[in-house]
């Protein structure tokens, strides 16, 4: 509510209020829920099954027929399916980090992906 009043005080129009003030803050809060929804849609949607998962199921069935090993072929299918979901989750997490950084509420994506150790201060504790 305070952001709406502040943007009104700055004489922003209703469209600019939402686009410049309200939506960027709401976007950073919506991304984790959208990630869960994306994974649920990937698993349960009939559209996803026809577009992509049909290919994974076809590959798994072909592997099962060629190896005559049901456990191995469905394990490979499970791993492929897990990799797809994991890549989607990593992408959405990167989007969340970027959105929060643009609001000044978190580290940048470059800082998150930096694998350098945390510097230790002179007092012996982590900085």
Protein backbone atom coordinates (compact mmCIF):
# COMPACT_ATOMS: atom_id res chain seq x y z
CA UNK A 1 0.00 0.00 0.00
CA UNK A 2 2.87 2.37 0.79
CA UNK A 3 4.41 1.86 -2.64
CA UNK A 4 1.11 2.74 -4.30
CA UNK A 5 0.84 5.95 -2.28
CA UNK A 6 4.48 6.86 -2.93
CA UNK A 7 4.08 6.36 -6.68
CA UNK A 8 0.94 8.50 -6.55
CA UNK A 9 2.91 11.19 -4.75
CA UNK A 10 5.49 11.03 -7.56
CA UNK A 11 2.63 11.68 -10.00
CA UNK A 12 3.01 8.39 -11.85
CA UNK A 13 0.08 7.25 -13.92
CA UNK A 14 -1.72 4.00 -13.02
CA UNK A 15 0.06 1.99 -15.72
CA UNK A 16 3.49 3.31 -14.73
CA UNK A 17 2.73 2.65 -11.04
CA UNK A 18 2.11 -0.99 -11.72
CA UNK A 19 4.89 -1.39 -14.30
CA UNK A 20 7.66 0.49 -12.49
CA UNK A 21 6.85 0.00 -8.78
CA UNK A 22 4.32 -2.71 -7.96
CA UNK A 23 5.10 -5.43 -10.52
CA UNK A 24 8.91 -5.61 -9.99
CA UNK A 25 8.38 -6.19 -6.26
CA UNK A 26 5.59 -8.69 -6.81
CA UNK A 27 7.60 -10.52 -9.51
CA UNK A 28 10.42 -11.37 -7.11
CA UNK A 29 7.90 -12.85 -4.67
CA UNK A 30 5.99 -14.79 -7.35
CA UNK A 31 8.94 -16.65 -8.90
CA UNK A 32 9.25 -19.47 -6.31
CA UNK A 33 5.55 -20.27 -6.63
CA UNK A 34 5.79 -20.12 -10.41
CA UNK A 35 8.70 -22.59 -10.26
CA UNK A 36 6.55 -25.09 -8.37
CA UNK A 37 3.72 -24.57 -10.82
CA UNK A 38 6.06 -25.06 -13.78
CA UNK A 39 7.29 -28.39 -12.44
CA UNK A 40 3.71 -29.51 -11.69
CA UNK A 41 2.69 -28.61 -15.22
CA UNK A 42 5.67 -30.50 -16.61
CA UNK A 43 4.66 -33.62 -14.70
CA UNK A 44 0.92 -33.56 -15.08
CA UNK A 45 -0.09 -31.72 -18.19
CA UNK A 46 -1.43 -33.60 -21.15
CA UNK A 47 0.03 -30.93 -23.40
CA UNK A 48 3.52 -31.54 -22.01
CA UNK A 49 3.02 -35.25 -22.53
CA UNK A 50 2.14 -34.80 -26.20
CA UNK A 51 4.88 -32.26 -26.89
CA UNK A 52 7.91 -33.52 -25.00
CA UNK A 53 7.33 -36.38 -22.61
CA UNK A 54 6.00 -38.51 -25.44
CA UNK A 55 9.52 -38.39 -26.85
CA UNK A 56 11.01 -39.43 -23.49
CA UNK A 57 8.50 -42.27 -23.18
CA UNK A 58 9.20 -43.38 -26.76
CA UNK A 59 12.95 -43.36 -26.06
CA UNK A 60 12.42 -45.36 -22.86
CA UNK A 61 10.26 -47.91 -24.67
CA UNK A 62 12.84 -48.29 -27.45
CA UNK A 63 15.58 -48.78 -24.85
CA UNK A 64 13.47 -51.38 -23.04
CA UNK A 65 12.89 -53.32 -26.24
CA UNK A 66 16.55 -53.25 -27.27
CA UNK A 67 17.99 -54.22 -23.87
CA UNK A 68 15.13 -56.39 -22.56
CA UNK A 69 15.79 -54.80 -19.16
CA UNK A 70 12.78 -52.96 -17.76
CA UNK A 71 14.50 -51.64 -14.63
CA UNK A 72 17.44 -50.14 -16.54
CA UNK A 73 15.32 -48.51 -19.23
CA UNK A 74 12.89 -46.90 -16.79
CA UNK A 75 15.80 -45.75 -14.60
CA UNK A 76 17.30 -44.00 -17.63
CA UNK A 77 13.90 -42.47 -18.38
CA UNK A 78 13.64 -41.30 -14.77
CA UNK A 79 17.08 -39.70 -14.94
CA UNK A 80 16.25 -37.90 -18.20
CA UNK A 81 13.00 -36.64 -16.71
CA UNK A 82 14.81 -35.52 -13.54
CA UNK A 83 17.43 -33.67 -15.62
CA UNK A 84 14.69 -31.75 -17.46
CA UNK A 85 13.02 -30.72 -14.20
CA UNK A 86 16.36 -29.83 -12.61
CA UNK A 87 17.39 -27.58 -15.50
CA UNK A 88 14.02 -25.81 -15.34
CA UNK A 89 14.45 -25.32 -11.58
CA UNK A 90 17.98 -23.93 -11.99
CA UNK A 91 16.75 -21.49 -14.62
CA UNK A 92 13.90 -20.29 -12.42
CA UNK A 93 16.26 -19.93 -9.43
CA UNK A 94 18.58 -17.78 -11.55
CA UNK A 95 15.59 -15.68 -12.57
CA UNK A 96 14.64 -15.28 -8.90
CA UNK A 97 18.16 -14.20 -7.89
CA UNK A 98 18.22 -11.66 -10.72
CA UNK A 99 14.82 -10.25 -9.79
CA UNK A 100 15.74 -9.89 -6.12
CA UNK A 101 19.07 -8.29 -7.00
CA UNK A 102 17.35 -5.71 -9.18
CA UNK A 103 15.27 -4.77 -6.13
CA UNK A 104 18.40 -4.54 -3.98
CA UNK A 105 17.26 -7.42 -1.78
CA UNK A 106 19.93 -9.99 -2.55
CA UNK A 107 23.24 -10.83 -4.17
CA UNK A 108 23.80 -10.65 -7.90
CA UNK A 109 23.78 -13.76 -10.05
CA UNK A 110 27.53 -13.33 -10.54
CA UNK A 111 28.04 -13.42 -6.74
CA UNK A 112 25.84 -16.48 -6.37
CA UNK A 113 27.70 -18.38 -9.10
CA UNK A 114 31.13 -17.35 -7.79
CA UNK A 115 32.80 -20.40 -6.32
CA UNK A 116 35.57 -18.49 -4.51
CA UNK A 117 35.75 -19.09 -0.75
CA UNK A 118 34.29 -16.54 1.64
CA UNK A 119 37.05 -14.20 2.89
CA UNK A 120 38.02 -14.55 6.54
CA UNK A 121 38.41 -11.40 8.62
CA UNK A 122 41.38 -10.66 10.91
CA UNK A 123 39.30 -11.60 13.97
CA UNK A 124 39.04 -15.18 12.80
CA UNK A 125 35.40 -15.17 11.78
CA UNK A 126 33.82 -15.16 8.37
CA UNK A 127 33.18 -11.72 6.89
